[in-house]
Amino acid sequence: MTSATVLLGYQQRIDQIEALLAHLQMRQGTTVAVLVLAVVTTAAFCFLAFSRRAMPIWYPPLPLSAALISLRKYTRQQLQISRFIRLRRFYAGGVERLEERWVGNGISGQEFEVPDHVYAADLSLFGHGSLFERLCTARTHLGCERLASYLQEPARFAEIRQRQAAVRELTGRTDLREKVALLGRYDFEQSRWQTFAEWLDSPPAGFASWLGPAALASSVVVGALSAAIMLKPSIWPALLPIILPIAVSNAVAGLSLRKRVRRVLKASAPVASEITIIREGLELLAGERFVTPKLVTLTTRAAPAGAVIRLLKPWFMILRERTKDWFYLPSLWLLLGTQSALAIESWRLRYRGSLRQWLDAWAEFEALNSLACYAHENPEDSWAELDDKSAHFSAEGLGHPLMARDTCVRNDVSLGDAYGFCVLSGSNMSGKSTLLRSIGLAAVLAFAGAPVRARSLRLAVMRIGASISVVDSLRDGKSKFLGEVQRLREMLQLSADGPVLFLVDEIFSGTNSPDRRAAADAVARTLAARGAIGVISTRDIALAAIAAHGGTNLHMRSRDGADNPLDFDYRLKPGVTTESNALAIARMVGVPI
């Protein structure tokens, strides 16, 4: 299978959906016509029966029943049309990704980036045109957040292997991704971890355990007696001595609990609007049969969730309806708001630990499913071979995963075997930074459990550190040089605790040449001594000497024989560069040199 095959499959599925949509819309048009005809006929029959007395009065309800049936059918058809439109949008997003039109159309994930992270900004993990935007197809905010943690947080070897196995099993499950995309009634419905966390962490309301059954029993009695009076009004004098004390006690209980009830209902309102999509997702997950251990564990954890969460459904329904005019007085009379608060609070205290586990299971599944979608749409990419030995990284045909496949230049990169690190020299725009990001993103994808843009990749489980996009900060009172020094200090600290892959672009460019050479030499020597591997790029060929600490020199330059110094081939070559193009670039943009 190739990405072109996947694209063709998506386009064919869109054609099928559009055909089904056209057929459904045509049927809906017929339903509307029947509905209009039934309403007009009902109006005509009413006029003839009541004004002209030209027909029996039982005629008007006949077409009215047809109108009600048509209205219900129209509502169902509208829901089906909405689902097909959402499904078409899901596949249209896949087509955009496969045709390299995805930039700016997805979720940037900027809100999930950890401030001052040791590589997130340097490798463009979040933001416009980022790795996260390319990867994320999660239905809920929970899934987005977990995917972001996959990309930023280190994982152990066993965990990575389990992720990779799970993603492989999910790769071909386009049918499952369709079902996930259709969760909830509308696309804008969301489920956020913060909503649930605030609710679960709120202090107990302090309701006595007997209040719930007592309130329910009294409301049932009041409701039954009220119904009896409505059916036979003549008996109200006999029932009044019974119903009045109960109603008074309900009122007293409602007033005494009012503050706590309001607090519970206010805290529960956001959850009521977000928990449905989670329940549907967990029920979907629990109904699947998987083979890989991680997915089996997730389905086992999700198994009881649907039935338990459904216990909240009637109380959340009352919570939504109790403020409406038609329901307000019955709600007060039957103490429904208080009962809802008691039931919801009881459920929360009993199941809050379980709910955290269920939310965690769903978030984990969505992250894996997003990576599986990426794997499905990039079948030419390879699965990394990982181990937990000393630091090493060996890739054949390594490319940048965010570049178009047909324009991406690939290189073979080997670190940790013949040499631990390389000093990569080259002039401006020769491709050094892109190569560093390609190495870093390959490691990030591999550790997340996803395939990588390479013919093959072997690497150890390592921590990643990068200094590629460090800038100055007026807000923090920090120069670019200070920011880079602090980032390199973080890398050195990481290397003291285990294997590290370091990626440093234009090391210490913010200081004078003698200091730069001395500082770069010290950093390279320390990292190499601790077994770290990586790449240090520079335009300053004087720094080539730091490769003496167990490294080697590689360079990138313009094509052989090219007259234009900006005509680069973006290929790795041995040795130190002998060209510079700074003056040529300055002249190109109009600087008089």
Protein backbone atom coordinates (compact mmCIF):
# COMPACT_ATOMS: atom_id res chain seq x y z
CA MET A 1 0.00 0.00 0.00
CA THR A 2 1.11 3.56 -0.73
CA SER A 3 -0.12 6.96 0.35
CA ALA A 4 -1.60 7.34 -3.15
CA THR A 5 -3.70 4.22 -2.50
CA VAL A 6 -4.90 5.64 0.80
CA LEU A 7 -5.77 8.92 -0.91
CA LEU A 8 -7.78 7.09 -3.56
CA GLY A 9 -9.62 5.17 -0.83
CA TYR A 10 -10.49 8.40 0.98
CA GLN A 11 -11.74 10.02 -2.23
CA GLN A 12 -13.89 7.00 -3.05
CA ARG A 13 -15.35 7.05 0.45
CA ILE A 14 -16.20 10.74 0.03
CA ASP A 15 -17.96 9.89 -3.25
CA GLN A 16 -19.98 7.19 -1.47
CA ILE A 17 -20.93 9.60 1.33
CA GLU A 18 -22.00 12.28 -1.14
CA ALA A 19 -24.15 9.75 -3.01
CA LEU A 20 -25.80 8.70 0.25
CA LEU A 21 -26.27 12.35 1.19
CA ALA A 22 -27.94 13.13 -2.13
CA HIS A 23 -30.31 10.15 -1.74
CA LEU A 24 -31.13 11.08 1.85
CA GLN A 25 -31.75 14.73 0.97
CA MET A 26 -34.10 13.63 -1.80
CA ARG A 27 -36.03 11.47 0.65
CA GLN A 28 -36.11 14.35 3.09
CA GLY A 29 -37.62 16.53 0.38
CA THR A 30 -40.41 13.99 -0.02
CA THR A 31 -40.92 13.96 3.75
CA VAL A 32 -41.19 17.75 3.79
CA ALA A 33 -43.74 17.65 0.99
CA VAL A 34 -45.84 15.10 2.89
CA LEU A 35 -45.53 17.19 6.06
CA VAL A 36 -46.70 20.36 4.31
CA LEU A 37 -49.56 18.50 2.63
CA ALA A 38 -50.64 16.99 5.96
CA VAL A 39 -50.58 20.38 7.71
CA VAL A 40 -52.55 22.05 4.91
CA THR A 41 -55.06 19.19 4.87
CA THR A 42 -55.46 19.39 8.64
CA ALA A 43 -56.11 23.13 8.41
CA ALA A 44 -58.67 22.59 5.63
CA PHE A 45 -60.44 19.83 7.54
CA CYS A 46 -60.55 22.01 10.68
CA PHE A 47 -62.13 24.83 8.65
CA LEU A 48 -64.71 22.50 7.09
CA ALA A 49 -65.46 20.66 10.34
CA PHE A 50 -65.68 23.58 12.74
CA SER A 51 -66.60 26.60 10.62
CA ARG A 52 -68.73 25.05 7.89
CA ARG A 53 -69.72 21.90 9.77
CA ALA A 54 -69.36 20.12 6.43
CA MET A 55 -67.67 17.02 7.88
CA PRO A 56 -67.42 15.14 11.18
CA ILE A 57 -65.11 16.65 13.82
CA TRP A 58 -63.04 13.49 13.99
CA TYR A 59 -61.70 14.08 10.45
CA PRO A 60 -59.06 16.77 11.29
CA PRO A 61 -56.96 14.50 13.54
CA LEU A 62 -56.48 12.03 10.67
CA PRO A 63 -54.01 14.11 8.57
CA LEU A 64 -52.54 15.58 11.79
CA SER A 65 -51.22 12.13 12.74
CA ALA A 66 -49.54 11.92 9.33
CA ALA A 67 -47.99 15.33 9.97
CA LEU A 68 -46.59 14.23 13.33
CA ILE A 69 -45.16 11.04 11.81
CA SER A 70 -43.58 13.07 8.98
CA LEU A 71 -42.12 15.55 11.46
CA ARG A 72 -40.50 12.75 13.45
CA LYS A 73 -39.17 11.19 10.24
CA TYR A 74 -37.79 14.57 9.13
CA THR A 75 -35.95 14.96 12.45
CA ARG A 76 -34.34 11.52 12.09
CA GLN A 77 -33.33 12.25 8.50
CA GLN A 78 -31.82 15.59 9.54
CA LEU A 79 -29.72 13.81 12.16
CA GLN A 80 -28.53 11.29 9.54
CA ILE A 81 -27.64 14.11 7.14
CA SER A 82 -25.67 15.83 9.90
CA ARG A 83 -23.73 12.62 10.56
CA PHE A 84 -22.92 12.16 6.86
CA ILE A 85 -21.72 15.77 6.62
CA ARG A 86 -19.46 15.21 9.65
CA LEU A 87 -18.15 12.00 8.11
CA ARG A 88 -17.42 13.77 4.83
CA ARG A 89 -15.53 16.44 6.77
CA PHE A 90 -13.51 13.71 8.49
CA TYR A 91 -12.35 12.23 5.19
CA ALA A 92 -11.83 15.67 3.63
CA GLY A 93 -9.31 16.33 6.41
CA GLY A 94 -7.51 13.12 5.45
CA VAL A 95 -7.40 14.20 1.81
CA GLU A 96 -5.91 17.55 2.85
CA ARG A 97 -3.20 15.78 4.80
CA LEU A 98 -2.39 13.40 1.97
CA GLU A 99 -2.31 16.22 -0.59
CA GLU A 100 -0.05 18.29 1.71
CA ARG A 101 -2.74 20.96 2.24
CA TRP A 102 -3.08 20.37 5.97
CA VAL A 103 -1.12 23.35 7.31
CA GLY A 104 -3.45 25.71 9.16
CA ASN A 105 -6.44 23.35 8.95
CA GLY A 106 -5.81 21.25 12.04
CA ILE A 107 -5.30 21.70 15.77
CA SER A 108 -2.11 23.61 16.53
CA GLY A 109 -1.82 22.25 20.08
CA GLN A 110 -0.10 25.43 21.23
CA GLU A 111 -1.96 25.28 24.55
CA PHE A 112 -0.33 21.93 25.35
CA GLU A 113 3.29 23.02 24.94
CA VAL A 114 5.23 22.88 28.19
CA PRO A 115 6.95 26.26 28.76
CA ASP A 116 10.73 26.15 28.25
CA HIS A 117 10.56 22.51 27.21
CA VAL A 118 13.91 21.02 26.32
CA TYR A 119 13.00 20.36 22.67
CA ALA A 120 9.30 21.12 21.91
CA ALA A 121 9.76 24.58 20.37
CA ASP A 122 13.05 23.64 18.69
CA LEU A 123 11.48 20.72 16.83
CA SER A 124 8.22 22.59 16.01
CA LEU A 125 6.06 20.15 17.94
CA PHE A 126 3.23 22.68 18.37
CA GLY A 127 1.86 25.66 16.51
CA HIS A 128 1.04 26.47 12.91
CA GLY A 129 2.32 23.74 10.58
CA SER A 130 3.64 21.68 13.51
CA LEU A 131 4.03 17.97 14.10
CA PHE A 132 1.04 18.03 16.44
CA GLU A 133 -1.15 19.63 13.77
CA ARG A 134 -0.12 16.89 11.35
CA LEU A 135 -0.70 14.07 13.83
CA CYS A 136 -3.76 15.03 15.83
CA THR A 137 -7.10 13.58 14.74
CA ALA A 138 -8.39 13.10 18.29
CA ARG A 139 -12.11 13.66 18.82
CA THR A 140 -11.83 15.12 22.32
CA HIS A 141 -9.63 17.56 24.16
CA LEU A 142 -8.63 14.67 26.42
CA GLY A 143 -7.12 12.81 23.48
CA CYS A 144 -5.31 15.93 22.25
CA GLU A 145 -3.77 16.46 25.67
CA ARG A 146 -2.57 12.87 25.92
CA LEU A 147 -1.06 12.98 22.43
CA ALA A 148 0.83 16.13 23.44
CA SER A 149 2.21 14.33 26.48
CA TYR A 150 3.34 11.45 24.24
CA LEU A 151 5.40 13.94 22.23
CA GLN A 152 6.92 15.75 25.22
CA GLU A 153 7.33 13.26 28.03
CA PRO A 154 9.92 10.45 28.15
CA ALA A 155 8.73 6.85 28.15
CA ARG A 156 10.36 3.58 29.13
CA PHE A 157 11.38 0.95 26.59
CA ALA A 158 8.56 -1.47 27.48
CA GLU A 159 5.95 1.30 27.25
CA ILE A 160 7.20 2.40 23.82
CA ARG A 161 7.07 -1.15 22.54
CA GLN A 162 3.49 -1.51 23.76
CA ARG A 163 2.51 1.77 22.13
CA GLN A 164 4.05 0.72 18.84
CA ALA A 165 2.23 -2.63 18.88
CA ALA A 166 -1.08 -0.91 19.67
CA VAL A 167 -0.64 1.66 16.90
CA ARG A 168 0.15 -1.11 14.42
CA GLU A 169 -3.04 -2.94 15.34
CA LEU A 170 -5.12 0.21 15.00
CA THR A 171 -3.52 1.35 11.73
CA GLY A 172 -5.99 -0.37 9.41
CA ARG A 173 -9.07 0.38 11.53
CA THR A 174 -10.54 3.19 9.45
CA ASP A 175 -14.00 1.93 10.40
CA LEU A 176 -13.22 2.53 14.07
CA ARG A 177 -11.89 6.02 13.35
CA GLU A 178 -15.18 6.77 11.55
CA LYS A 179 -17.12 5.81 14.68
CA VAL A 180 -14.86 7.93 16.88
CA ALA A 181 -15.29 10.92 14.56
CA LEU A 182 -19.10 10.61 14.89
CA LEU A 183 -19.19 10.57 18.68
CA GLY A 184 -21.60 13.11 20.10
CA ARG A 185 -24.38 14.92 18.29
CA TYR A 186 -22.22 17.82 17.07
CA ASP A 187 -18.56 18.32 16.21
CA PHE A 188 -18.23 21.24 18.62
CA GLU A 189 -19.07 19.02 21.62
CA GLN A 190 -15.94 18.51 23.66
CA SER A 191 -14.63 16.80 26.79
CA ARG A 192 -11.85 18.51 28.70
CA TRP A 193 -9.84 17.04 31.52
CA GLN A 194 -10.01 20.32 33.44
CA THR A 195 -13.82 20.18 33.51
CA PHE A 196 -13.81 16.76 35.13
CA ALA A 197 -10.83 17.48 37.38
CA GLU A 198 -12.50 20.55 38.88
CA TRP A 199 -15.68 18.58 39.50
CA LEU A 200 -13.95 15.52 40.94
CA ASP A 201 -11.65 17.59 43.16
CA SER A 202 -14.40 19.83 44.57
CA PRO A 203 -15.01 19.41 48.34
CA PRO A 204 -17.84 17.09 49.47
CA ALA A 205 -21.22 18.76 49.91
CA GLY A 206 -21.74 16.94 53.20
CA PHE A 207 -25.18 15.46 52.54
CA ALA A 208 -26.32 12.81 55.03
CA SER A 209 -26.63 9.35 53.45
CA TRP A 210 -30.33 9.03 54.36
CA LEU A 211 -31.33 12.27 52.58
CA GLY A 212 -31.39 10.77 49.12
CA PRO A 213 -33.79 7.86 49.83
CA ALA A 214 -35.95 10.12 52.03
CA ALA A 215 -36.26 12.83 49.37
CA LEU A 216 -37.07 10.24 46.71
CA ALA A 217 -39.75 8.56 48.87
CA SER A 218 -41.43 11.87 49.77
CA SER A 219 -41.40 13.03 46.14
CA VAL A 220 -42.93 9.74 44.98
CA VAL A 221 -45.73 10.10 47.55
CA VAL A 222 -46.37 13.74 46.63
CA GLY A 223 -46.32 12.91 42.95
CA ALA A 224 -48.72 9.97 43.34
CA LEU A 225 -51.16 11.97 45.44
CA SER A 226 -50.99 14.92 43.05
CA ALA A 227 -51.75 12.62 40.12
CA ALA A 228 -54.71 11.14 42.00
CA ILE A 229 -56.13 14.60 42.65
CA MET A 230 -55.71 15.55 38.99
CA LEU A 231 -57.53 12.42 37.87
CA LYS A 232 -60.31 12.81 40.47
CA PRO A 233 -60.44 16.37 41.84
CA SER A 234 -63.28 15.54 44.24
CA ILE A 235 -60.95 13.61 46.57
CA TRP A 236 -58.61 16.53 47.31
CA PRO A 237 -60.21 17.36 50.70
CA ALA A 238 -59.49 13.84 51.90
CA LEU A 239 -55.88 13.83 50.64
CA LEU A 240 -55.00 17.36 51.71
CA PRO A 241 -54.15 16.40 55.33
CA ILE A 242 -51.69 13.84 53.95
CA ILE A 243 -50.07 15.81 51.14
CA LEU A 244 -49.73 19.13 52.96
CA PRO A 245 -47.31 17.99 55.74
CA ILE A 246 -45.14 16.17 53.18
CA ALA A 247 -45.08 19.21 50.90
CA VAL A 248 -44.16 21.46 53.84
CA SER A 249 -41.36 19.13 54.92
CA ASN A 250 -40.07 19.05 51.30
CA ALA A 251 -40.07 22.85 51.24
CA VAL A 252 -38.21 23.06 54.55
CA ALA A 253 -35.65 20.48 53.39
CA GLY A 254 -35.21 22.28 50.08
CA LEU A 255 -34.64 25.63 51.75
CA SER A 256 -32.20 24.24 54.32
CA LEU A 257 -30.15 22.48 51.64
CA ARG A 258 -30.45 25.24 49.05
CA LYS A 259 -26.88 26.58 49.23
CA ARG A 260 -25.26 23.16 49.05
CA VAL A 261 -27.64 22.02 46.31
CA ARG A 262 -26.86 25.07 44.21
CA ARG A 263 -23.14 24.52 44.66
CA VAL A 264 -23.42 20.88 43.54
CA LEU A 265 -25.62 21.71 40.56
CA LYS A 266 -23.37 24.58 39.45
CA ALA A 267 -20.28 22.36 39.61
CA SER A 268 -22.08 19.55 37.76
CA ALA A 269 -23.48 21.65 34.89
CA PRO A 270 -20.27 21.65 32.74
CA VAL A 271 -19.84 17.90 33.30
CA ALA A 272 -23.42 17.26 32.19
CA SER A 273 -22.66 18.77 28.79
CA GLU A 274 -19.33 16.94 28.32
CA ILE A 275 -19.80 13.48 29.77
CA THR A 276 -22.04 12.10 27.02
CA ILE A 277 -19.30 11.97 24.42
CA ILE A 278 -17.01 10.24 26.94
CA ARG A 279 -19.69 7.66 27.74
CA GLU A 280 -20.26 6.95 24.04
CA GLY A 281 -16.52 6.66 23.44
CA LEU A 282 -15.97 4.30 26.38
CA GLU A 283 -18.88 2.12 25.28
CA LEU A 284 -17.39 1.99 21.78
CA LEU A 285 -13.96 1.08 23.19
CA ALA A 286 -15.41 -1.57 25.51
CA GLY A 287 -17.16 -3.23 22.57
CA GLU A 288 -13.94 -3.73 20.59
CA ARG A 289 -11.87 -6.90 20.62
CA PHE A 290 -8.13 -6.30 20.42
CA VAL A 291 -5.02 -8.48 20.58
CA THR A 292 -2.17 -6.26 21.74
CA PRO A 293 -1.72 -6.00 25.52
CA LYS A 294 -2.10 -2.23 25.76
CA LEU A 295 -5.40 -2.15 23.87
CA VAL A 296 -6.72 -5.16 25.76
CA THR A 297 -5.94 -3.36 29.02
CA LEU A 298 -7.73 -0.23 27.83
CA THR A 299 -10.87 -2.14 26.81
CA THR A 300 -10.89 -3.96 30.15
CA ARG A 301 -10.66 -0.66 32.02
CA ALA A 302 -13.44 0.83 29.90
CA ALA A 303 -15.80 -2.16 30.20
CA PRO A 304 -17.90 -1.07 33.23
CA ALA A 305 -17.84 2.65 32.41
CA GLY A 306 -20.85 2.93 30.11
CA ALA A 307 -23.40 1.37 32.48
CA VAL A 308 -22.13 3.30 35.50
CA ILE A 309 -22.04 6.68 33.72
CA ARG A 310 -25.56 6.06 32.40
CA LEU A 311 -26.77 6.24 36.01
CA LEU A 312 -26.20 9.98 35.78
CA LYS A 313 -28.24 10.43 32.61
CA PRO A 314 -31.71 11.02 34.18
CA TRP A 315 -30.32 13.41 36.78
CA PHE A 316 -28.38 15.41 34.22
CA MET A 317 -31.52 15.53 32.07
CA ILE A 318 -33.45 16.98 35.03
CA LEU A 319 -30.58 19.41 35.56
CA ARG A 320 -30.94 20.65 31.97
CA GLU A 321 -34.75 20.83 32.00
CA ARG A 322 -35.48 22.21 35.48
CA THR A 323 -34.88 25.83 34.49
CA LYS A 324 -37.35 25.70 31.60
CA ASP A 325 -40.74 27.31 32.12
CA TRP A 326 -42.83 24.17 31.60
CA PHE A 327 -40.73 22.17 34.07
CA TYR A 328 -39.95 24.75 36.72
CA LEU A 329 -43.02 24.40 38.97
CA PRO A 330 -43.18 20.57 38.84
CA SER A 331 -39.46 20.55 39.67
CA LEU A 332 -40.04 22.67 42.77
CA TRP A 333 -43.11 20.69 43.84
CA LEU A 334 -41.36 17.33 43.52
CA LEU A 335 -38.00 18.53 44.89
CA LEU A 336 -36.30 17.37 41.68
CA GLY A 337 -33.38 19.81 41.90
CA THR A 338 -32.52 18.64 45.40
CA GLN A 339 -32.90 15.01 44.41
CA SER A 340 -30.61 15.55 41.41
CA ALA A 341 -27.96 17.17 43.59
CA LEU A 342 -28.13 14.34 46.12
CA ALA A 343 -27.90 11.64 43.44
CA ILE A 344 -25.09 13.36 41.49
CA GLU A 345 -23.06 13.98 44.64
CA SER A 346 -23.51 10.39 45.78
CA TRP A 347 -22.34 9.14 42.37
CA ARG A 348 -19.34 11.46 42.39
CA LEU A 349 -18.13 10.33 45.80
CA ARG A 350 -18.57 6.68 44.91
CA TYR A 351 -17.10 6.63 41.40
CA ARG A 352 -14.65 9.53 41.17
CA GLY A 353 -11.63 7.24 41.35
CA SER A 354 -13.10 5.03 38.63
CA LEU A 355 -14.00 8.02 36.46
CA ARG A 356 -10.38 9.20 36.53
CA GLN A 357 -9.28 5.78 35.27
CA TRP A 358 -11.93 5.77 32.55
CA LEU A 359 -10.95 9.23 31.37
CA ASP A 360 -7.32 8.16 31.35
CA ALA A 361 -8.17 5.05 29.29
CA TRP A 362 -10.09 7.10 26.73
CA ALA A 363 -7.33 9.71 26.45
CA GLU A 364 -4.76 6.96 25.93
CA PHE A 365 -6.85 5.30 23.24
CA GLU A 366 -7.36 8.56 21.37
CA ALA A 367 -3.64 9.31 21.34
CA LEU A 368 -2.89 5.86 19.95
CA ASN A 369 -5.69 6.20 17.41
CA SER A 370 -4.28 9.52 16.16
CA LEU A 371 -0.87 7.92 15.67
CA ALA A 372 -2.54 4.99 13.90
CA CYS A 373 -4.27 7.39 11.51
CA TYR A 374 -0.88 8.93 10.74
CA ALA A 375 0.58 5.48 10.16
CA HIS A 376 -2.31 4.56 7.84
CA GLU A 377 -1.81 7.71 5.77
CA ASN A 378 1.97 7.22 5.56
CA PRO A 379 2.41 3.53 4.69
CA GLU A 380 5.84 4.16 3.13
CA ASP A 381 7.25 5.19 6.50
CA SER A 382 9.01 2.55 8.58
CA TRP A 383 8.68 1.33 12.16
CA ALA A 384 11.69 2.05 14.34
CA GLU A 385 13.68 -0.79 15.87
CA LEU A 386 14.26 0.16 19.51
CA ASP A 387 16.41 -1.18 22.31
CA ASP A 388 17.45 -0.08 25.78
CA LYS A 389 21.19 -0.30 25.24
CA SER A 390 23.73 2.54 25.08
CA ALA A 391 22.86 5.61 23.00
CA HIS A 392 22.79 5.09 19.26
CA PHE A 393 20.82 6.38 16.25
CA SER A 394 21.13 4.87 12.80
CA ALA A 395 18.78 5.92 10.01
CA GLU A 396 18.74 5.18 6.30
CA GLY A 397 16.88 7.55 4.02
CA LEU A 398 15.92 9.91 6.85
CA GLY A 399 13.58 12.73 5.89
CA HIS A 400 11.57 15.49 7.55
CA PRO A 401 8.01 14.26 8.30
CA LEU A 402 6.44 17.71 7.78
CA MET A 403 7.81 18.20 4.29
CA ALA A 404 6.06 17.00 1.13
CA ARG A 405 7.22 13.50 0.32
CA ASP A 406 8.18 14.30 -3.27
CA THR A 407 10.40 17.27 -2.30
CA CYS A 408 11.91 15.86 0.88
CA VAL A 409 15.65 15.18 0.53
CA ARG A 410 16.76 12.17 2.53
CA ASN A 411 20.06 11.40 4.22
CA ASP A 412 21.69 8.48 6.00
CA VAL A 413 22.60 9.35 9.57
CA SER A 414 24.59 7.20 11.99
CA LEU A 415 25.45 8.23 15.54
CA GLY A 416 26.87 6.10 18.31
CA ASP A 417 28.55 3.44 16.19
CA ALA A 418 31.66 4.72 14.38
CA TYR A 419 31.44 8.07 16.16
CA GLY A 420 29.32 9.51 18.95
CA PHE A 421 28.56 12.90 17.48
CA CYS A 422 29.24 15.00 14.43
CA VAL A 423 30.14 18.63 13.88
CA LEU A 424 27.98 19.66 10.93
CA SER A 425 29.39 22.65 9.08
CA GLY A 426 27.80 24.49 6.21
CA SER A 427 26.79 27.89 4.96
CA ASN A 428 23.45 29.58 5.47
CA MET A 429 20.38 27.82 4.01
CA SER A 430 22.35 24.63 3.30
CA GLY A 431 19.90 22.47 5.28
CA LYS A 432 21.66 21.99 8.62
CA SER A 433 18.73 23.00 10.84
CA THR A 434 16.29 20.91 8.83
CA LEU A 435 18.51 17.85 9.23
CA LEU A 436 18.72 18.40 13.00
CA ARG A 437 14.94 18.64 13.20
CA SER A 438 14.57 15.52 11.06
CA ILE A 439 16.70 13.57 13.52
CA GLY A 440 14.82 14.94 16.52
CA LEU A 441 11.36 14.37 15.05
CA ALA A 442 12.27 10.81 14.07
CA ALA A 443 13.17 10.11 17.70
CA VAL A 444 10.00 11.81 18.99
CA LEU A 445 7.78 9.80 16.64
CA ALA A 446 9.58 6.56 17.45
CA PHE A 447 9.21 7.08 21.20
CA ALA A 448 5.53 7.96 20.77
CA GLY A 449 5.00 4.64 18.98
CA ALA A 450 4.50 6.00 15.46
CA PRO A 451 6.32 5.19 12.21
CA VAL A 452 9.13 7.49 11.09
CA ARG A 453 10.05 9.16 7.79
CA ALA A 454 12.94 6.85 6.92
CA ARG A 455 13.60 3.58 5.09
CA SER A 456 14.85 2.20 8.39
CA LEU A 457 15.72 3.44 11.85
CA ARG A 458 17.49 1.78 14.75
CA LEU A 459 17.84 3.70 17.98
CA ALA A 460 18.10 3.37 21.72
CA VAL A 461 15.58 4.81 24.13
CA MET A 462 17.09 8.17 25.06
CA ARG A 463 16.20 11.57 26.39
CA ILE A 464 16.19 14.32 23.77
CA GLY A 465 17.65 17.80 24.12
CA ALA A 466 17.67 20.49 21.44
CA SER A 467 18.90 24.05 21.08
CA ILE A 468 17.73 25.12 17.62
CA SER A 469 15.14 27.86 18.09
CA VAL A 470 16.27 29.48 21.33
CA VAL A 471 15.56 33.23 21.21
CA ASP A 472 15.92 36.17 23.54
CA SER A 473 13.05 37.14 25.84
CA LEU A 474 12.33 40.72 26.86
CA ARG A 475 9.68 39.53 29.30
CA ASP A 476 12.12 37.23 31.10
CA GLY A 477 15.08 39.60 30.73
CA LYS A 478 17.02 36.87 28.94
CA SER A 479 19.38 37.20 25.98
CA LYS A 480 19.62 34.54 23.28
CA PHE A 481 23.08 33.58 24.56
CA LEU A 482 21.82 33.15 28.13
CA GLY A 483 18.87 31.10 26.87
CA GLU A 484 21.21 28.83 24.93
CA VAL A 485 23.55 28.41 27.90
CA GLN A 486 20.62 27.42 30.12
CA ARG A 487 19.37 24.93 27.52
CA LEU A 488 22.82 23.36 27.19
CA ARG A 489 23.00 23.11 30.98
CA GLU A 490 19.72 21.13 30.87
CA MET A 491 21.22 18.77 28.29
CA LEU A 492 24.30 18.24 30.43
CA GLN A 493 22.11 17.47 33.43
CA LEU A 494 20.10 14.96 31.39
CA SER A 495 23.29 13.29 30.14
CA ALA A 496 24.38 12.69 33.73
CA ASP A 497 21.27 10.54 34.28
CA GLY A 498 21.23 8.39 31.14
CA PRO A 499 21.48 8.24 27.33
CA VAL A 500 20.85 11.54 25.55
CA LEU A 501 20.39 12.62 21.94
CA PHE A 502 21.51 16.25 21.67
CA LEU A 503 20.87 18.58 18.72
CA VAL A 504 22.56 21.98 18.82
CA ASP A 505 22.29 24.50 16.00
CA GLU A 506 24.94 27.23 15.68
CA ILE A 507 26.39 26.58 19.11
CA PHE A 508 27.25 29.70 21.14
CA SER A 509 26.73 32.01 18.16
CA GLY A 510 25.99 34.89 20.54
CA THR A 511 29.56 35.39 21.78
CA ASN A 512 33.05 36.11 20.45
CA SER A 513 35.07 33.48 18.59
CA PRO A 514 37.65 32.56 21.29
CA ASP A 515 34.98 32.16 23.98
CA ARG A 516 32.75 30.28 21.54
CA ARG A 517 35.50 27.81 20.71
CA ALA A 518 36.39 27.20 24.37
CA ALA A 519 32.78 26.81 25.51
CA ALA A 520 31.80 24.56 22.59
CA ASP A 521 34.84 22.37 23.21
CA ALA A 522 33.92 21.97 26.89
CA VAL A 523 30.30 21.07 26.11
CA ALA A 524 31.24 18.56 23.39
CA ARG A 525 33.89 16.96 25.60
CA THR A 526 31.48 16.56 28.54
CA LEU A 527 28.61 15.19 26.47
CA ALA A 528 30.89 12.71 24.70
CA ALA A 529 32.42 11.57 27.98
CA ARG A 530 28.95 10.78 29.32
CA GLY A 531 28.01 8.68 26.30
CA ALA A 532 25.60 11.17 24.74
CA ILE A 533 25.21 11.26 20.97
CA GLY A 534 24.10 14.04 18.67
CA VAL A 535 24.86 16.79 16.18
CA ILE A 536 26.41 20.23 16.63
CA SER A 537 25.99 22.49 13.61
CA THR A 538 27.98 25.61 12.86
CA ARG A 539 28.92 28.07 10.12
CA ASP A 540 32.23 28.70 11.93
CA ILE A 541 34.71 26.18 10.53
CA ALA A 542 37.06 26.90 13.44
CA LEU A 543 34.74 24.76 15.58
CA ALA A 544 35.51 21.69 13.47
CA ALA A 545 38.31 20.90 15.92
CA ILE A 546 35.88 19.94 18.69
CA ALA A 547 35.17 16.73 16.77
CA ALA A 548 38.41 15.43 18.32
CA HIS A 549 36.37 14.30 21.36
CA GLY A 550 35.07 11.13 19.70
CA GLY A 551 33.17 12.87 16.92
CA THR A 552 33.56 13.46 13.21
CA ASN A 553 33.12 16.30 10.73
CA LEU A 554 30.35 16.35 8.15
CA HIS A 555 29.10 19.20 6.01
CA MET A 556 26.38 20.38 3.65
CA ARG A 557 27.07 22.59 0.65
CA SER A 558 25.88 23.58 -2.81
CA ARG A 559 25.74 21.06 -5.61
CA ASP A 560 29.04 19.99 -7.14
CA GLY A 561 29.87 22.19 -10.08
CA ALA A 562 27.04 24.65 -9.40
CA ASP A 563 27.70 28.30 -10.30
CA ASN A 564 25.06 29.52 -7.87
CA PRO A 565 26.25 29.24 -4.22
CA LEU A 566 22.60 28.96 -3.15
CA ASP A 567 21.95 25.89 -5.30
CA PHE A 568 22.09 23.33 -2.49
CA ASP A 569 21.54 19.58 -2.76
CA TYR A 570 20.94 19.19 1.02
CA ARG A 571 23.10 16.06 1.15
CA LEU A 572 25.45 15.07 3.95
CA LYS A 573 29.10 14.93 2.91
CA PRO A 574 32.24 14.01 4.87
CA GLY A 575 34.67 16.62 6.09
CA VAL A 576 34.49 20.36 6.73
CA THR A 577 32.82 22.81 4.36
CA THR A 578 35.01 25.09 2.30
CA GLU A 579 32.37 27.53 1.07
CA SER A 580 30.49 30.52 2.43
CA ASN A 581 27.49 32.28 0.95
CA ALA A 582 26.70 35.06 3.45
CA LEU A 583 27.77 37.81 1.00
CA ALA A 584 25.82 36.21 -1.84
CA ILE A 585 22.65 36.15 0.25
CA ALA A 586 23.16 39.78 1.27
CA ARG A 587 23.53 40.83 -2.37
CA MET A 588 20.51 38.74 -3.35
CA VAL A 589 18.23 40.71 -1.02
CA GLY A 590 19.66 44.06 -2.09
CA VAL A 591 22.30 44.87 0.53
CA PRO A 592 25.06 46.88 -1.26
CA ILE A 593 28.12 44.73 -0.74
